[in-house]
N, C-alpha and C. Protein backbone atom coordinates (compact mmCIF):
# COMPACT_ATOMS: atom_id res chain seq x y z
N UNK A 1 -23.80 18.32 86.22
CA UNK A 1 -24.37 19.21 85.22
C UNK A 1 -24.64 20.56 85.89
N UNK A 2 -24.26 21.61 85.24
CA UNK A 2 -24.46 22.96 85.78
C UNK A 2 -25.92 23.36 85.63
N UNK A 3 -26.42 24.04 86.65
CA UNK A 3 -27.79 24.54 86.58
C UNK A 3 -27.78 25.89 85.88
N UNK A 4 -28.42 25.96 84.75
CA UNK A 4 -28.54 27.23 84.04
C UNK A 4 -30.00 27.52 83.80
N UNK A 5 -30.37 28.76 83.88
CA UNK A 5 -31.75 29.17 83.66
C UNK A 5 -31.87 29.67 82.23
N UNK A 6 -32.91 29.23 81.56
CA UNK A 6 -33.13 29.70 80.21
C UNK A 6 -33.78 31.07 80.29
N UNK A 7 -33.13 32.05 79.71
CA UNK A 7 -33.59 33.43 79.81
C UNK A 7 -33.75 34.01 78.41
N UNK A 8 -34.79 34.84 78.24
CA UNK A 8 -34.97 35.55 76.99
C UNK A 8 -33.90 36.63 76.84
N UNK A 9 -33.43 36.82 75.65
CA UNK A 9 -32.52 37.93 75.41
C UNK A 9 -33.34 39.22 75.38
N UNK A 10 -32.67 40.35 75.53
CA UNK A 10 -33.36 41.64 75.46
C UNK A 10 -34.02 41.83 74.10
N UNK A 11 -33.35 41.36 73.07
CA UNK A 11 -33.91 41.48 71.71
C UNK A 11 -35.21 40.68 71.57
N UNK A 12 -35.23 39.45 72.12
CA UNK A 12 -36.45 38.64 72.07
C UNK A 12 -37.57 39.30 72.88
N UNK A 13 -37.22 39.82 74.05
CA UNK A 13 -38.23 40.44 74.91
C UNK A 13 -38.82 41.68 74.26
N UNK A 14 -38.02 42.45 73.52
CA UNK A 14 -38.52 43.65 72.84
C UNK A 14 -39.58 43.30 71.81
N UNK A 15 -39.50 42.11 71.24
CA UNK A 15 -40.50 41.67 70.27
C UNK A 15 -41.78 41.15 70.94
N UNK A 16 -41.63 40.56 72.12
CA UNK A 16 -42.76 39.95 72.83
C UNK A 16 -43.53 40.96 73.66
N UNK A 17 -42.83 41.86 74.33
CA UNK A 17 -43.45 42.78 75.29
C UNK A 17 -44.64 43.57 74.74
N UNK A 18 -44.58 44.09 73.51
CA UNK A 18 -45.73 44.86 73.00
C UNK A 18 -47.00 44.01 72.81
N UNK A 19 -46.85 42.70 72.76
CA UNK A 19 -48.00 41.81 72.56
C UNK A 19 -48.76 41.53 73.85
N UNK A 20 -48.17 41.85 74.98
CA UNK A 20 -48.80 41.60 76.28
C UNK A 20 -49.62 42.80 76.72
N UNK A 21 -50.69 42.55 77.48
CA UNK A 21 -51.50 43.68 77.96
C UNK A 21 -50.70 44.55 78.94
N UNK A 22 -50.97 45.83 78.91
CA UNK A 22 -50.32 46.76 79.84
C UNK A 22 -50.91 46.57 81.23
N UNK A 23 -50.07 46.57 82.25
CA UNK A 23 -50.60 46.44 83.62
C UNK A 23 -51.43 47.66 84.00
N UNK A 24 -52.54 47.42 84.65
CA UNK A 24 -53.39 48.52 85.09
C UNK A 24 -53.44 48.54 86.61
N UNK A 25 -53.62 49.72 87.16
CA UNK A 25 -53.73 49.87 88.61
C UNK A 25 -55.14 49.49 89.02
N UNK A 26 -55.23 48.66 90.03
CA UNK A 26 -56.53 48.26 90.54
C UNK A 26 -57.00 49.29 91.56
N UNK A 27 -58.25 49.69 91.45
CA UNK A 27 -58.81 50.65 92.40
C UNK A 27 -59.07 49.98 93.76
N UNK A 28 -59.15 48.67 93.76
CA UNK A 28 -59.43 47.95 94.99
C UNK A 28 -58.16 47.62 95.77
N UNK A 29 -57.02 47.95 95.24
CA UNK A 29 -55.76 47.61 95.91
C UNK A 29 -55.36 46.18 95.59
N UNK A 30 -54.84 45.49 96.56
CA UNK A 30 -54.47 44.09 96.34
C UNK A 30 -52.98 43.93 96.11
N UNK A 31 -52.63 42.75 95.74
CA UNK A 31 -51.23 42.38 95.54
C UNK A 31 -50.70 43.02 94.26
N UNK A 32 -49.47 43.52 94.30
CA UNK A 32 -48.89 44.09 93.07
C UNK A 32 -48.67 43.00 92.01
N UNK A 33 -48.79 43.39 90.77
CA UNK A 33 -48.58 42.45 89.66
C UNK A 33 -47.15 41.97 89.63
N UNK A 34 -46.98 40.74 89.19
CA UNK A 34 -45.64 40.19 88.99
C UNK A 34 -45.08 40.75 87.69
N UNK A 35 -43.78 40.77 87.58
CA UNK A 35 -43.10 41.26 86.38
C UNK A 35 -43.46 40.36 85.19
N UNK A 36 -43.96 40.96 84.10
CA UNK A 36 -44.38 40.19 82.93
C UNK A 36 -43.27 39.32 82.37
N UNK A 37 -42.06 39.85 82.32
CA UNK A 37 -40.95 39.10 81.74
C UNK A 37 -40.64 37.87 82.59
N UNK A 38 -40.62 38.03 83.89
CA UNK A 38 -40.33 36.91 84.77
C UNK A 38 -41.40 35.82 84.67
N UNK A 39 -42.66 36.23 84.61
CA UNK A 39 -43.76 35.28 84.49
C UNK A 39 -43.67 34.55 83.15
N UNK A 40 -43.41 35.28 82.08
CA UNK A 40 -43.31 34.69 80.75
C UNK A 40 -42.16 33.68 80.69
N UNK A 41 -41.01 34.02 81.28
CA UNK A 41 -39.88 33.09 81.30
C UNK A 41 -40.23 31.84 82.12
N UNK A 42 -41.00 32.01 83.19
CA UNK A 42 -41.43 30.86 83.98
C UNK A 42 -42.33 29.94 83.18
N UNK A 43 -43.23 30.52 82.41
CA UNK A 43 -44.12 29.71 81.55
C UNK A 43 -43.31 28.96 80.52
N UNK A 44 -42.35 29.63 79.91
CA UNK A 44 -41.50 28.96 78.92
C UNK A 44 -40.71 27.81 79.56
N UNK A 45 -40.25 28.03 80.79
CA UNK A 45 -39.49 26.98 81.48
C UNK A 45 -40.36 25.75 81.72
N UNK A 46 -41.61 25.98 82.17
CA UNK A 46 -42.53 24.87 82.39
C UNK A 46 -42.78 24.12 81.08
N UNK A 47 -43.03 24.86 80.01
CA UNK A 47 -43.29 24.22 78.71
C UNK A 47 -42.06 23.49 78.19
N UNK A 48 -40.89 24.04 78.42
CA UNK A 48 -39.66 23.43 77.90
C UNK A 48 -39.29 22.17 78.67
N UNK A 49 -39.44 22.20 79.99
CA UNK A 49 -39.01 21.07 80.80
C UNK A 49 -40.10 20.04 81.03
N UNK A 50 -41.35 20.45 80.85
CA UNK A 50 -42.45 19.54 81.11
C UNK A 50 -42.70 19.35 82.60
N UNK A 51 -42.12 20.22 83.41
CA UNK A 51 -42.26 20.12 84.86
C UNK A 51 -43.70 20.37 85.28
N UNK A 52 -44.10 19.68 86.30
CA UNK A 52 -45.44 19.88 86.86
C UNK A 52 -45.36 21.00 87.89
N UNK A 53 -46.29 21.91 87.84
CA UNK A 53 -46.29 23.05 88.75
C UNK A 53 -46.35 22.60 90.20
N UNK A 54 -47.18 21.63 90.52
CA UNK A 54 -47.35 21.19 91.90
C UNK A 54 -46.03 20.67 92.48
N UNK A 55 -45.20 20.09 91.65
CA UNK A 55 -43.93 19.57 92.12
C UNK A 55 -43.06 20.68 92.68
N UNK A 56 -43.11 21.86 92.10
CA UNK A 56 -42.25 22.96 92.50
C UNK A 56 -42.88 23.90 93.51
N UNK A 57 -44.18 23.85 93.66
CA UNK A 57 -44.87 24.78 94.54
C UNK A 57 -45.26 24.17 95.88
N UNK A 58 -45.03 22.90 96.08
CA UNK A 58 -45.51 22.24 97.28
C UNK A 58 -44.94 22.87 98.55
N UNK A 59 -43.75 23.42 98.48
CA UNK A 59 -43.16 24.05 99.66
C UNK A 59 -43.66 25.48 99.87
N UNK A 60 -44.33 26.04 98.88
CA UNK A 60 -44.79 27.41 98.97
C UNK A 60 -46.27 27.47 99.34
N UNK A 61 -47.09 26.66 98.66
CA UNK A 61 -48.52 26.66 98.90
C UNK A 61 -48.97 25.26 99.33
N UNK A 62 -50.04 25.19 100.13
CA UNK A 62 -50.59 23.87 100.44
C UNK A 62 -51.12 23.20 99.17
N UNK A 63 -51.05 21.90 99.11
CA UNK A 63 -51.47 21.17 97.91
C UNK A 63 -52.93 21.48 97.58
N UNK A 64 -53.79 21.70 98.57
CA UNK A 64 -55.20 22.02 98.31
C UNK A 64 -55.33 23.29 97.48
N UNK A 65 -54.43 24.24 97.65
CA UNK A 65 -54.50 25.49 96.92
C UNK A 65 -54.19 25.29 95.44
N UNK A 66 -53.52 24.21 95.08
CA UNK A 66 -53.15 23.97 93.68
C UNK A 66 -54.18 23.18 92.93
N UNK A 67 -55.14 22.60 93.61
CA UNK A 67 -56.17 21.79 92.95
C UNK A 67 -57.34 22.62 92.51
């Protein structure tokens, strides 16, 4: 089976983007915000597949960080 990623079309994103809050610059600095579209597609993927986040993040973060 081919691995394909479910992606929003530009037309779908144009309808969703105005509903999300605008990113603001933090005066305290910190990590830059992630791209809203990429995060939203990730959320949709989790909801669509029913995948558990810990299953996919175990190689990135220690398990204690996910609890």
